[in-house]
Amino acid sequence: FLGKSLEDYVSKLPVRVIVLRTGKRSGLIRARLIGAKEAKGQVLTFLDSHCECTIGWLEPLLTRIAEDRTRVVCPIIDVISDENFKYIPASDMTWGGFNWKLNF
């Protein structure tokens, strides 16, 4: 798919995907806000371009949301070494939180 338009790629996916374009550079947060406003699903997920989803990444997130739909959840984030590209799984005991400035 390299060199082809994003629209060509998503048109071949087995699920409906809509590509929204801002028309000008608006930044990451504004683009996400525009996408969130247009979203129609029950759960909204943001992935950055450097993220790769491994098998079983979504189910734990959906389980936590199903327990309380007001939750904001974050997956365990594994790492790929910048020295040798080795995959390094994160601990499942990792905890995070937000402060009053909403910094994670």
Foldseek 3Di string as FASTA:
>chain_A
DPPDDPVVVQVPDPDDDDDDDPPDDDDDVVVVVVVVVPDDDLDDDDDDPPDDDDPPFVVVVVVVCVVPVVDDDDTQDWDQDPVPRDTGGDDPPDDDDADPVRDD
